[in-house]
Amino acid sequence: MMPADAPLNLIELRGLHLPGNAAGAVQGEVVAAIALGFVAAILVGLVRTLRTRSRATLRRAALRELAGSRTLAPEARLVAQAGLLRRLARKLQGADAADAQGAAWAARLDSLFGTDFFSAGAGRTLVDGLYRRRETPDPAAIDAELARLIGRIRT
């Protein structure tokens, strides 16, 4: 059944029309959304890259400073290593973390490096043993462990 006013030929059909407010195949809002998404993706990638480089640079600088302390006398070496740990904690966790003392400082270092070296191991000397009379710890062992822990910095 065909209505009475239906065109008999395809030539008689009316042409297709776009909606009233469409100026072209791609509307301005769509282009703006795509551009903003692209800019946001670039910014996120840039921030992640800079953050990764910053951490790697911090790690390299700390390892370089640790290597430089190897030429010092044992007592001065321990003081230099303790200062390095304070600066690392300040850079990675803020000033409040670096201001901790005693057992709280050992716990901060253990959480920062994911170990118990500072609360139960030879690293205890670096936490609160710098000013006590004691037998001199093996600086090479402490140095090797610090190099391993600093090399693992990822956060």
Protein backbone atom coordinates (compact mmCIF):
# COMPACT_ATOMS: atom_id res chain seq x y z
CA MET A 1 0.00 0.00 0.00
CA MET A 2 1.42 3.25 -1.10
CA PRO A 3 0.19 6.62 0.02
CA ALA A 4 -1.24 8.77 -2.65
CA ASP A 5 1.40 11.49 -2.45
CA ALA A 6 4.44 9.14 -2.44
CA PRO A 7 6.98 9.92 -5.16
CA LEU A 8 7.06 7.49 -7.96
CA ASN A 9 10.74 7.99 -8.87
CA LEU A 10 13.85 8.35 -6.76
CA ILE A 11 14.53 11.61 -8.58
CA GLU A 12 11.47 13.10 -7.01
CA LEU A 13 12.73 12.46 -3.43
CA ARG A 14 13.72 15.48 -1.39
CA GLY A 15 17.48 15.84 -0.62
CA LEU A 16 18.97 14.97 2.77
CA HIS A 17 19.52 17.84 5.18
CA LEU A 18 21.75 18.19 8.26
CA PRO A 19 20.23 19.32 11.55
CA GLY A 20 19.63 23.04 11.78
CA ASN A 21 22.73 24.08 13.81
CA ALA A 22 25.32 21.84 12.10
CA ALA A 23 27.81 23.94 10.20
CA GLY A 24 29.95 21.06 9.00
CA ALA A 25 30.78 17.43 9.50
CA VAL A 26 32.57 18.15 12.85
CA GLN A 27 31.12 20.59 15.34
CA GLY A 28 33.21 23.07 17.33
CA GLU A 29 32.42 21.49 20.71
CA VAL A 30 33.70 18.13 19.55
CA VAL A 31 36.95 19.65 18.28
CA ALA A 32 37.41 21.55 21.56
CA ALA A 33 36.83 18.39 23.61
CA ILE A 34 39.34 16.43 21.54
CA ALA A 35 41.91 19.21 21.82
CA LEU A 36 41.45 19.53 25.60
CA GLY A 37 41.77 15.77 26.02
CA PHE A 38 44.96 15.75 23.98
CA VAL A 39 46.46 18.64 25.98
CA ALA A 40 45.52 16.93 29.27
CA ALA A 41 47.15 13.68 28.15
CA ILE A 42 50.34 15.53 27.20
CA LEU A 43 50.43 17.33 30.56
CA VAL A 44 49.95 14.11 32.52
CA GLY A 45 52.71 12.43 30.54
CA LEU A 46 55.03 15.39 31.06
CA VAL A 47 54.42 15.47 34.81
CA ARG A 48 55.07 11.73 35.10
CA THR A 49 58.27 12.01 33.07
CA LEU A 50 59.58 14.93 35.11
CA ARG A 51 58.72 13.17 38.35
CA THR A 52 60.54 10.02 37.28
CA ARG A 53 63.60 12.00 36.22
CA SER A 54 63.54 13.93 39.49
CA ARG A 55 63.55 10.70 41.51
CA ALA A 56 66.32 9.21 39.40
CA THR A 57 68.37 12.38 39.74
CA LEU A 58 67.84 12.40 43.50
CA ARG A 59 68.91 8.77 43.69
CA ARG A 60 72.02 9.39 41.58
CA ALA A 61 72.99 12.47 43.62
CA ALA A 62 72.54 10.58 46.89
CA LEU A 63 74.63 7.66 45.65
CA ARG A 64 77.30 10.08 44.43
CA GLU A 65 77.39 11.80 47.84
CA LEU A 66 77.53 8.44 49.58
CA ALA A 67 80.47 7.42 47.40
CA GLY A 68 82.19 10.72 48.23
CA SER A 69 81.91 10.01 51.95
CA ARG A 70 83.99 6.84 51.59
CA THR A 71 87.21 8.85 51.69
CA LEU A 72 86.43 10.35 55.12
CA ALA A 73 87.57 9.09 58.50
CA PRO A 74 85.14 6.59 60.10
CA GLU A 75 83.52 9.11 62.49
CA ALA A 76 83.19 11.82 59.83
CA ARG A 77 81.86 9.21 57.43
CA LEU A 78 79.06 8.28 59.83
CA VAL A 79 78.17 11.96 60.32
CA ALA A 80 78.09 12.51 56.54
CA GLN A 81 75.88 9.45 56.05
CA ALA A 82 73.49 10.59 58.79
CA GLY A 83 73.26 14.04 57.18
CA LEU A 84 72.55 12.45 53.82
CA LEU A 85 69.70 10.46 55.34
CA ARG A 86 68.20 13.63 56.84
CA ARG A 87 68.34 15.41 53.48
CA LEU A 88 66.80 12.43 51.68
CA ALA A 89 63.95 12.22 54.20
CA ARG A 90 63.35 15.97 53.90
CA LYS A 91 63.24 15.78 50.11
CA LEU A 92 61.04 12.68 49.91
CA GLN A 93 58.73 13.08 52.91
CA GLY A 94 58.93 16.71 53.97
CA ALA A 95 60.47 18.69 56.81
CA ASP A 96 58.37 17.04 59.52
CA ALA A 97 59.78 13.63 58.64
CA ALA A 98 63.37 14.89 58.78
CA ASP A 99 62.87 16.52 62.19
CA ALA A 100 62.08 13.23 63.96
CA GLN A 101 64.46 11.99 66.67
CA GLY A 102 65.35 8.65 68.25
CA ALA A 103 62.99 5.74 67.71
CA ALA A 104 60.62 7.90 65.65
CA TRP A 105 63.48 8.75 63.29
CA ALA A 106 64.42 5.08 62.98
CA ALA A 107 60.80 4.21 62.20
CA ARG A 108 60.65 6.96 59.55
CA LEU A 109 63.80 5.68 57.87
CA ASP A 110 62.58 2.09 58.03
CA SER A 111 59.28 3.06 56.39
CA LEU A 112 61.02 5.23 53.80
CA PHE A 113 63.35 2.44 52.71
CA GLY A 114 61.11 -0.54 53.50
CA THR A 115 63.52 -2.20 55.92
CA ASP A 116 64.34 -2.66 59.61
CA PHE A 117 68.00 -1.72 59.14
CA PHE A 118 67.66 1.50 61.15
CA SER A 119 65.64 0.19 64.09
CA ALA A 120 67.13 -3.29 64.49
CA GLY A 121 70.27 -3.42 62.37
CA ALA A 122 73.62 -1.71 62.07
CA GLY A 123 71.87 1.41 60.80
CA ARG A 124 70.90 2.10 64.41
CA THR A 125 74.33 3.76 64.72
CA LEU A 126 73.22 6.39 62.19
CA VAL A 127 70.00 7.06 64.08
CA ASP A 128 71.18 7.76 67.59
CA GLY A 129 74.66 6.32 68.02
CA LEU A 130 76.70 9.18 66.58
CA TYR A 131 77.38 10.79 69.94
CA ARG A 132 77.66 7.71 72.16
CA ARG A 133 80.80 5.92 73.16
CA ARG A 134 80.76 2.65 71.38
CA GLU A 135 82.85 0.33 69.34
CA THR A 136 83.23 1.61 65.82
CA PRO A 137 80.83 -0.21 63.50
CA ASP A 138 82.01 -1.58 60.20
CA PRO A 139 81.67 1.45 57.91
CA ALA A 140 81.95 -0.66 54.76
CA ALA A 141 78.95 -2.79 55.78
CA ILE A 142 76.85 0.28 56.62
CA ASP A 143 77.95 1.93 53.40
CA ALA A 144 77.04 -1.10 51.30
CA GLU A 145 73.60 -1.37 52.89
CA LEU A 146 72.94 2.36 52.46
CA ALA A 147 73.95 2.14 48.80
CA ARG A 148 71.53 -0.76 48.32
CA LEU A 149 68.67 1.05 50.09
CA ILE A 150 69.24 4.36 48.30
CA GLY A 151 69.43 2.52 44.98
CA ARG A 152 65.91 1.20 45.59
CA ILE A 153 64.29 4.61 46.04
CA ARG A 154 61.19 4.61 43.84
CA THR A 155 58.66 6.80 45.64
